[in-house]
């Protein structure tokens, strides 16, 4: 999946597949996670947030999305 680099203390890049509703996040640590069944509105919110890391913490990390580490 193609990811776009973001300016963040926590996240390095973000990608989204709207057909499969998969959000892929690469963290500055180098770890990559895929989150499943993520609405496009959540992806859009992440990409437009003033703080990507804060948005991730508030709306993705503990939101109950199934995920896997890549």
Protein backbone atom coordinates (compact mmCIF):
# COMPACT_ATOMS: atom_id res chain seq x y z
CA UNK A 1 0.00 0.00 0.00
CA UNK A 2 1.29 3.44 -0.85
CA UNK A 3 1.68 5.71 2.16
CA UNK A 4 1.99 9.49 2.40
CA UNK A 5 4.56 10.95 4.77
CA UNK A 6 3.17 13.08 7.59
CA UNK A 7 4.73 15.61 9.95
CA UNK A 8 4.36 14.04 13.37
CA UNK A 9 6.37 13.14 16.46
CA UNK A 10 4.73 9.69 16.47
CA UNK A 11 3.74 8.81 12.88
CA UNK A 12 5.96 8.66 9.81
CA UNK A 13 3.48 7.79 7.05
CA UNK A 14 -0.18 6.92 6.47
CA UNK A 15 -1.94 5.01 3.70
CA UNK A 16 -5.56 4.12 3.09
CA UNK A 17 -7.35 1.69 0.79
CA UNK A 18 -10.97 2.90 0.49
CA UNK A 19 -12.17 -0.25 -1.28
CA UNK A 20 -10.95 -2.53 1.52
CA UNK A 21 -11.26 0.11 4.28
CA UNK A 22 -7.71 -0.57 5.48
CA UNK A 23 -5.69 2.12 7.20
CA UNK A 24 -1.95 1.54 7.28
CA UNK A 25 0.23 3.54 9.65
CA UNK A 26 4.00 3.56 9.85
CA UNK A 27 5.27 4.85 13.17
CA UNK A 28 8.54 6.69 13.67
CA UNK A 29 9.79 3.55 15.41
CA UNK A 30 9.62 1.80 12.01
CA UNK A 31 6.71 -0.46 13.00
CA UNK A 32 3.82 -0.67 10.53
CA UNK A 33 0.25 -1.48 11.55
CA UNK A 34 -2.82 -2.15 9.44
CA UNK A 35 -6.22 -1.29 10.88
CA UNK A 36 -9.28 -2.95 9.36
CA UNK A 37 -12.80 -1.70 8.58
CA UNK A 38 -11.81 1.93 9.12
CA UNK A 39 -14.29 4.47 7.69
CA UNK A 40 -12.87 6.93 5.19
CA UNK A 41 -13.99 9.76 7.48
CA UNK A 42 -11.55 8.54 10.12
CA UNK A 43 -8.72 8.51 7.58
CA UNK A 44 -9.68 12.02 6.42
CA UNK A 45 -9.77 13.22 10.01
CA UNK A 46 -6.32 11.78 10.65
CA UNK A 47 -4.84 13.44 7.59
CA UNK A 48 -6.34 16.86 8.35
CA UNK A 49 -5.75 16.85 12.12
CA UNK A 50 -3.53 19.52 13.64
CA UNK A 51 -1.76 16.67 15.49
CA UNK A 52 -1.71 13.29 13.72
CA UNK A 53 -0.42 11.55 16.84
CA UNK A 54 -3.14 13.02 19.02
CA UNK A 55 -5.85 12.09 16.51
CA UNK A 56 -4.46 8.55 16.38
CA UNK A 57 -4.52 8.28 20.17
CA UNK A 58 -8.03 9.73 20.48
CA UNK A 59 -9.80 8.09 17.52
CA UNK A 60 -7.92 5.01 16.32
CA UNK A 61 -5.67 3.33 18.90
CA UNK A 62 -8.39 2.37 21.39
CA UNK A 63 -11.41 2.57 19.06
CA UNK A 64 -11.72 -1.21 18.73
CA UNK A 65 -10.44 -1.59 15.17
CA UNK A 66 -8.92 -4.97 14.45
CA UNK A 67 -5.30 -4.62 13.43
CA UNK A 68 -2.14 -6.48 12.59
CA UNK A 69 1.50 -5.55 12.74
CA UNK A 70 3.17 -5.83 9.31
